[in-house]
Amino acid sequence: MKNLVYSLLLITSLASAHELPASILEQIPEGYSVLRHASGELNDDALADYLVVVHKSQEATLSSEQPAPARPLLLFTQRTDGSYALSKRNDQVVFRVDEGGQCDPYGDDGRGLVINKRYFTIENGVACGQHWTDYITFRYDTKLKDWVFHKRIFENWVPNDSEDPDAEALVMDAHQVTTATRNAPIRFADYSPPDR
């Protein structure tokens, strides 16, 4: 069964990678494969850019022997000739395979990336044993010509102990919002969630 899961993950990763431009695939770090990607405008040049999450294909087996490897988030910007440059990298915002308790906080149920007009969000979370989501958003700063931390929203749910048969199964017990400090921007490449 474990081999089937790894095979499916590899097939999904390869299918995802084939959708990426060749100039991006050429820049994927050695030993990594594509886990997920998204395309949209990340800066102010009106060209389509990419966010690409990469991971070690054997990360699930590696995590049982040692801490799981990072899942770098790579930010590629399009040049005017249509090729792509690796502009930024962050190894902390996509959670590792062993940071979700009983299940993968990024890969198990389609957690992902959203790009919206120079803003982008990474969603980590689990819904097995524990129930939480963690959204980390960055924005493009035109003055700095760089991406900076914008906001983080963490929510946690616990079983509802109500005896009402119509009650929701889970109730929220935490909703934490952390916003950027305007006069002290944290660049995307330097950001690390403080409680990891």
C-alpha atoms as a PDB file:
ATOM      1  CA  MET A   1       0.000   0.000   0.000  1.00  0.00           C
ATOM      2  CA  LYS A   2       2.830   2.386   0.916  1.00  0.00           C
ATOM      3  CA  ASN A   3       4.469   1.831  -2.500  1.00  0.00           C
ATOM      4  CA  LEU A   4       1.154   2.614  -4.217  1.00  0.00           C
ATOM      5  CA  VAL A   5       0.878   5.903  -2.313  1.00  0.00           C
ATOM      6  CA  TYR A   6       4.445   6.907  -3.250  1.00  0.00           C
ATOM      7  CA  SER A   7       3.779   5.969  -6.889  1.00  0.00           C
ATOM      8  CA  LEU A   8       0.626   8.093  -6.977  1.00  0.00           C
ATOM      9  CA  LEU A   9       2.469  11.019  -5.414  1.00  0.00           C
ATOM     10  CA  LEU A  10       5.240  10.713  -8.010  1.00  0.00           C
ATOM     11  CA  ILE A  11       2.742  10.502 -10.907  1.00  0.00           C
ATOM     12  CA  THR A  12       0.861  13.555  -9.592  1.00  0.00           C
ATOM     13  CA  SER A  13       4.125  15.437  -9.191  1.00  0.00           C
ATOM     14  CA  LEU A  14       5.262  14.582 -12.720  1.00  0.00           C
ATOM     15  CA  ALA A  15       1.892  15.551 -14.216  1.00  0.00           C
ATOM     16  CA  SER A  16       2.040  18.856 -12.354  1.00  0.00           C
ATOM     17  CA  ALA A  17       5.601  19.480 -13.521  1.00  0.00           C
ATOM     18  CA  HIS A  18       4.752  18.910 -17.198  1.00  0.00           C
ATOM     19  CA  GLU A  19       2.440  21.935 -17.068  1.00  0.00           C
ATOM     20  CA  LEU A  20       5.333  24.226 -16.180  1.00  0.00           C
ATOM     21  CA  PRO A  21       7.436  26.146 -18.727  1.00  0.00           C
ATOM     22  CA  ALA A  22      10.743  24.494 -19.611  1.00  0.00           C
ATOM     23  CA  SER A  23      12.773  27.436 -18.280  1.00  0.00           C
ATOM     24  CA  ILE A  24      11.234  26.854 -14.830  1.00  0.00           C
ATOM     25  CA  LEU A  25      11.774  23.100 -14.893  1.00  0.00           C
ATOM     26  CA  GLU A  26      15.449  23.675 -15.677  1.00  0.00           C
ATOM     27  CA  GLN A  27      15.801  25.636 -12.413  1.00  0.00           C
ATOM     28  CA  ILE A  28      14.185  23.115 -10.038  1.00  0.00           C
ATOM     29  CA  PRO A  29      16.848  22.293  -7.409  1.00  0.00           C
ATOM     30  CA  GLU A  30      18.560  18.950  -7.839  1.00  0.00           C
ATOM     31  CA  GLY A  31      16.944  16.183  -5.814  1.00  0.00           C
ATOM     32  CA  TYR A  32      13.552  17.938  -5.708  1.00  0.00           C
ATOM     33  CA  SER A  33      10.358  17.466  -7.691  1.00  0.00           C
ATOM     34  CA  VAL A  34       7.322  19.703  -8.148  1.00  0.00           C
ATOM     35  CA  LEU A  35       4.604  19.297  -5.509  1.00  0.00           C
ATOM     36  CA  ARG A  36       2.286  22.128  -6.549  1.00  0.00           C
ATOM     37  CA  HIS A  37       2.305  25.351  -8.536  1.00  0.00           C
ATOM     38  CA  ALA A  38       0.169  28.374  -9.349  1.00  0.00           C
ATOM     39  CA  SER A  39       0.388  31.091 -11.984  1.00  0.00           C
ATOM     40  CA  GLY A  40      -0.634  34.735 -11.874  1.00  0.00           C
ATOM     41  CA  GLU A  41       0.701  38.275 -11.767  1.00  0.00           C
ATOM     42  CA  LEU A  42       3.052  38.580  -8.811  1.00  0.00           C
ATOM     43  CA  ASN A  43       4.561  42.000  -9.511  1.00  0.00           C
ATOM     44  CA  ASP A  44       3.706  45.096 -11.522  1.00  0.00           C
ATOM     45  CA  ASP A  45       4.863  44.132 -15.042  1.00  0.00           C
ATOM     46  CA  ALA A  46       1.588  42.511 -16.271  1.00  0.00           C
ATOM     47  CA  LEU A  47       3.412  39.254 -17.120  1.00  0.00           C
ATOM     48  CA  ALA A  48       2.338  35.846 -15.788  1.00  0.00           C
ATOM     49  CA  ASP A  49       4.597  34.596 -12.997  1.00  0.00           C
ATOM     50  CA  TYR A  50       4.744  31.305 -11.075  1.00  0.00           C
ATOM     51  CA  LEU A  51       4.894  30.024  -7.541  1.00  0.00           C
ATOM     52  CA  VAL A  52       6.285  26.491  -7.357  1.00  0.00           C
ATOM     53  CA  VAL A  53       6.440  24.261  -4.281  1.00  0.00           C
ATOM     54  CA  VAL A  54       9.091  21.558  -4.528  1.00  0.00           C
ATOM     55  CA  HIS A  55       9.782  18.609  -2.259  1.00  0.00           C
ATOM     56  CA  LYS A  56      11.940  15.537  -1.877  1.00  0.00           C
ATOM     57  CA  SER A  57      10.069  12.638  -3.461  1.00  0.00           C
ATOM     58  CA  GLN A  58      10.991  10.324  -0.565  1.00  0.00           C
ATOM     59  CA  GLU A  59      10.115  12.849   2.160  1.00  0.00           C
ATOM     60  CA  ALA A  60       7.621  10.554   3.927  1.00  0.00           C
ATOM     61  CA  THR A  61      10.207   7.832   4.469  1.00  0.00           C
ATOM     62  CA  LEU A  62      12.938  10.312   5.324  1.00  0.00           C
ATOM     63  CA  SER A  63      10.793  11.912   8.043  1.00  0.00           C
ATOM     64  CA  SER A  64      10.611   8.701  10.058  1.00  0.00           C
ATOM     65  CA  GLU A  65      14.411   8.506  10.217  1.00  0.00           C
ATOM     66  CA  GLN A  66      15.177  12.204  10.716  1.00  0.00           C
ATOM     67  CA  PRO A  67      13.362  15.549  10.579  1.00  0.00           C
ATOM     68  CA  ALA A  68      11.551  15.900   7.266  1.00  0.00           C
ATOM     69  CA  PRO A  69      13.236  18.019   4.591  1.00  0.00           C
ATOM     70  CA  ALA A  70      12.024  21.509   3.741  1.00  0.00           C
ATOM     71  CA  ARG A  71       9.516  22.158   0.977  1.00  0.00           C
ATOM     72  CA  PRO A  72      10.913  25.257  -0.716  1.00  0.00           C
ATOM     73  CA  LEU A  73       8.517  27.747  -2.275  1.00  0.00           C
ATOM     74  CA  LEU A  74      10.135  29.182  -5.389  1.00  0.00           C
ATOM     75  CA  LEU A  75       8.960  32.442  -6.926  1.00  0.00           C
ATOM     76  CA  PHE A  76       9.588  32.761 -10.670  1.00  0.00           C
ATOM     77  CA  THR A  77       9.054  36.001 -12.592  1.00  0.00           C
ATOM     78  CA  GLN A  78       8.640  36.137 -16.334  1.00  0.00           C
ATOM     79  CA  ARG A  79      11.137  38.044 -18.447  1.00  0.00           C
ATOM     80  CA  THR A  80      10.095  39.978 -21.542  1.00  0.00           C
ATOM     81  CA  ASP A  81      11.461  37.187 -23.773  1.00  0.00           C
ATOM     82  CA  GLY A  82       9.041  34.701 -22.155  1.00  0.00           C
ATOM     83  CA  SER A  83      11.638  32.856 -20.070  1.00  0.00           C
ATOM     84  CA  TYR A  84      11.512  32.740 -16.277  1.00  0.00           C
ATOM     85  CA  ALA A  85      13.956  33.849 -13.591  1.00  0.00           C
ATOM     86  CA  LEU A  86      14.043  32.394 -10.090  1.00  0.00           C
ATOM     87  CA  SER A  87      13.509  35.611  -8.144  1.00  0.00           C
ATOM     88  CA  LYS A  88      12.987  34.428  -4.557  1.00  0.00           C
ATOM     89  CA  ARG A  89      12.958  31.309  -2.395  1.00  0.00           C
ATOM     90  CA  ASN A  90      11.566  30.561   1.048  1.00  0.00           C
ATOM     91  CA  ASP A  91      12.026  27.216   2.813  1.00  0.00           C
ATOM     92  CA  GLN A  92       9.734  27.953   5.805  1.00  0.00           C
ATOM     93  CA  VAL A  93       6.231  28.905   4.630  1.00  0.00           C
ATOM     94  CA  VAL A  94       5.174  25.524   3.240  1.00  0.00           C
ATOM     95  CA  PHE A  95       5.037  23.173   6.201  1.00  0.00           C
ATOM     96  CA  ARG A  96       6.994  19.922   6.156  1.00  0.00           C
ATOM     97  CA  VAL A  97       5.350  16.513   5.883  1.00  0.00           C
ATOM     98  CA  ASP A  98       5.892  15.804   9.600  1.00  0.00           C
ATOM     99  CA  GLU A  99       4.473  19.109  10.931  1.00  0.00           C
ATOM    100  CA  GLY A 100       0.795  18.186  10.816  1.00  0.00           C
ATOM    101  CA  GLY A 101       0.494  15.580  13.530  1.00  0.00           C
ATOM    102  CA  GLN A 102      -1.292  12.590  11.995  1.00  0.00           C
ATOM    103  CA  CYS A 103      -1.305  13.859   8.418  1.00  0.00           C
ATOM    104  CA  ASP A 104       0.536  16.031   5.930  1.00  0.00           C
ATOM    105  CA  PRO A 105      -0.278  19.732   6.530  1.00  0.00           C
ATOM    106  CA  TYR A 106       0.195  20.663   2.892  1.00  0.00           C
ATOM    107  CA  GLY A 107      -0.069  17.679   0.589  1.00  0.00           C
ATOM    108  CA  ASP A 108      -2.894  15.480   1.870  1.00  0.00           C
ATOM    109  CA  ASP A 109      -6.016  17.318   0.796  1.00  0.00           C
ATOM    110  CA  GLY A 110      -5.081  19.798  -1.880  1.00  0.00           C
ATOM    111  CA  ARG A 111      -3.811  22.610   0.312  1.00  0.00           C
ATOM    112  CA  GLY A 112      -2.387  25.181  -1.926  1.00  0.00           C
ATOM    113  CA  LEU A 113      -1.394  28.473  -3.344  1.00  0.00           C
ATOM    114  CA  VAL A 114      -3.562  31.408  -4.375  1.00  0.00           C
ATOM    115  CA  ILE A 115      -2.372  34.407  -6.381  1.00  0.00           C
ATOM    116  CA  ASN A 116      -4.511  37.533  -6.571  1.00  0.00           C
ATOM    117  CA  LYS A 117      -3.223  40.814  -8.011  1.00  0.00           C
ATOM    118  CA  ARG A 118       0.306  40.869  -6.540  1.00  0.00           C
ATOM    119  CA  TYR A 119      -0.822  39.132  -3.353  1.00  0.00           C
ATOM    120  CA  PHE A 120      -0.308  35.428  -2.765  1.00  0.00           C
ATOM    121  CA  THR A 121      -1.321  33.073   0.023  1.00  0.00           C
ATOM    122  CA  ILE A 122      -0.004  29.719   1.182  1.00  0.00           C
ATOM    123  CA  GLU A 123      -2.500  27.458   2.957  1.00  0.00           C
ATOM    124  CA  ASN A 124      -1.290  24.809   5.386  1.00  0.00           C
ATOM    125  CA  GLY A 125      -3.704  22.793   7.509  1.00  0.00           C
ATOM    126  CA  VAL A 126      -4.961  19.411   8.654  1.00  0.00           C
ATOM    127  CA  ALA A 127      -8.320  17.729   9.152  1.00  0.00           C
ATOM    128  CA  CYS A 128      -7.376  14.392  10.699  1.00  0.00           C
ATOM    129  CA  GLY A 129      -7.125  14.074  14.452  1.00  0.00           C
ATOM    130  CA  GLN A 130      -6.526  17.815  14.685  1.00  0.00           C
ATOM    131  CA  HIS A 131      -8.368  20.456  12.660  1.00  0.00           C
ATOM    132  CA  TRP A 132      -6.510  23.679  11.858  1.00  0.00           C
ATOM    133  CA  THR A 133      -5.682  25.997   8.974  1.00  0.00           C
ATOM    134  CA  ASP A 134      -2.824  28.435   8.639  1.00  0.00           C
ATOM    135  CA  TYR A 135      -2.918  31.056   5.868  1.00  0.00           C
ATOM    136  CA  ILE A 136       0.220  33.128   5.226  1.00  0.00           C
ATOM    137  CA  THR A 137      -0.120  36.019   2.764  1.00  0.00           C
ATOM    138  CA  PHE A 138       2.530  38.156   1.058  1.00  0.00           C
ATOM    139  CA  ARG A 139       2.208  41.202  -1.170  1.00  0.00           C
ATOM    140  CA  TYR A 140       4.409  42.902  -3.732  1.00  0.00           C
ATOM    141  CA  ASP A 141       5.828  46.167  -2.427  1.00  0.00           C
ATOM    142  CA  THR A 142       6.367  48.538  -5.345  1.00  0.00           C
ATOM    143  CA  LYS A 143       8.800  50.733  -3.397  1.00  0.00           C
ATOM    144  CA  LEU A 144      10.991  47.838  -2.300  1.00  0.00           C
ATOM    145  CA  LYS A 145      10.429  45.943  -5.572  1.00  0.00           C
ATOM    146  CA  ASP A 146      10.129  42.837  -3.433  1.00  0.00           C
ATOM    147  CA  TRP A 147       7.483  40.668  -1.787  1.00  0.00           C
ATOM    148  CA  VAL A 148       6.823  41.242   1.901  1.00  0.00           C
ATOM    149  CA  PHE A 149       4.795  39.577   4.650  1.00  0.00           C
ATOM    150  CA  HIS A 150       1.230  40.908   4.722  1.00  0.00           C
ATOM    151  CA  LYS A 151      -0.892  38.780   7.072  1.00  0.00           C
ATOM    152  CA  ARG A 152      -1.164  35.405   8.767  1.00  0.00           C
ATOM    153  CA  ILE A 153      -4.464  33.848   9.880  1.00  0.00           C
ATOM    154  CA  PHE A 154      -4.463  30.742  12.065  1.00  0.00           C
ATOM    155  CA  GLU A 155      -7.681  28.929  13.015  1.00  0.00           C
ATOM    156  CA  ASN A 156      -8.159  25.819  15.139  1.00  0.00           C
ATOM    157  CA  TRP A 157     -11.281  23.717  15.704  1.00  0.00           C
ATOM    158  CA  VAL A 158     -12.085  21.219  18.444  1.00  0.00           C
ATOM    159  CA  PRO A 159     -14.915  18.670  18.864  1.00  0.00           C
ATOM    160  CA  ASN A 160     -18.180  20.227  19.997  1.00  0.00           C
ATOM    161  CA  ASP A 161     -19.259  18.807  23.363  1.00  0.00           C
ATOM    162  CA  SER A 162     -22.854  19.977  22.892  1.00  0.00           C
ATOM    163  CA  GLU A 163     -25.532  17.319  23.324  1.00  0.00           C
ATOM    164  CA  ASP A 164     -27.761  19.058  20.778  1.00  0.00           C
ATOM    165  CA  PRO A 165     -28.139  16.575  17.859  1.00  0.00           C
ATOM    166  CA  ASP A 166     -28.195  19.492  15.404  1.00  0.00           C
ATOM    167  CA  ALA A 167     -25.000  21.074  16.715  1.00  0.00           C
ATOM    168  CA  GLU A 168     -21.941  21.416  14.515  1.00  0.00           C
ATOM    169  CA  ALA A 169     -19.386  18.632  14.986  1.00  0.00           C
ATOM    170  CA  LEU A 170     -16.550  21.127  15.494  1.00  0.00           C
ATOM    171  CA  VAL A 171     -16.312  24.547  17.097  1.00  0.00           C
ATOM    172  CA  MET A 172     -13.578  27.109  16.607  1.00  0.00           C
ATOM    173  CA  ASP A 173     -11.399  27.592  19.656  1.00  0.00           C
ATOM    174  CA  ALA A 174      -8.701  29.811  18.141  1.00  0.00           C
ATOM    175  CA  HIS A 175      -8.672  32.575  15.549  1.00  0.00           C
ATOM    176  CA  GLN A 176      -5.398  34.486  15.486  1.00  0.00           C
ATOM    177  CA  VAL A 177      -4.559  37.225  13.006  1.00  0.00           C
ATOM    178  CA  THR A 178      -1.045  38.610  12.688  1.00  0.00           C
ATOM    179  CA  THR A 179      -0.591  41.616  10.417  1.00  0.00           C
ATOM    180  CA  ALA A 180       2.564  43.158   9.070  1.00  0.00           C
ATOM    181  CA  THR A 181       4.209  46.082  10.789  1.00  0.00           C
ATOM    182  CA  ARG A 182       4.192  48.814   8.172  1.00  0.00           C
ATOM    183  CA  ASN A 183       7.482  50.442   9.117  1.00  0.00           C
ATOM    184  CA  ALA A 184       9.352  47.114   9.450  1.00  0.00           C
ATOM    185  CA  PRO A 185       8.573  45.004   6.392  1.00  0.00           C
ATOM    186  CA  ILE A 186       9.694  41.372   6.381  1.00  0.00           C
ATOM    187  CA  ARG A 187      10.777  40.227   2.950  1.00  0.00           C
ATOM    188  CA  PHE A 188       9.393  36.960   1.623  1.00  0.00           C
ATOM    189  CA  ALA A 189      12.827  35.318   1.430  1.00  0.00           C
ATOM    190  CA  ASP A 190      13.470  36.156   5.111  1.00  0.00           C
ATOM    191  CA  TYR A 191      10.076  35.275   6.579  1.00  0.00           C
ATOM    192  CA  SER A 192       9.720  32.357   8.979  1.00  0.00           C
ATOM    193  CA  PRO A 193       6.540  31.682  10.974  1.00  0.00           C
ATOM    194  CA  PRO A 194       7.604  32.559  14.536  1.00  0.00           C
ATOM    195  CA  ASP A 195       6.021  29.518  16.198  1.00  0.00           C
ATOM    196  CA  ARG A 196       7.528  26.837  13.958  1.00  0.00           C
END
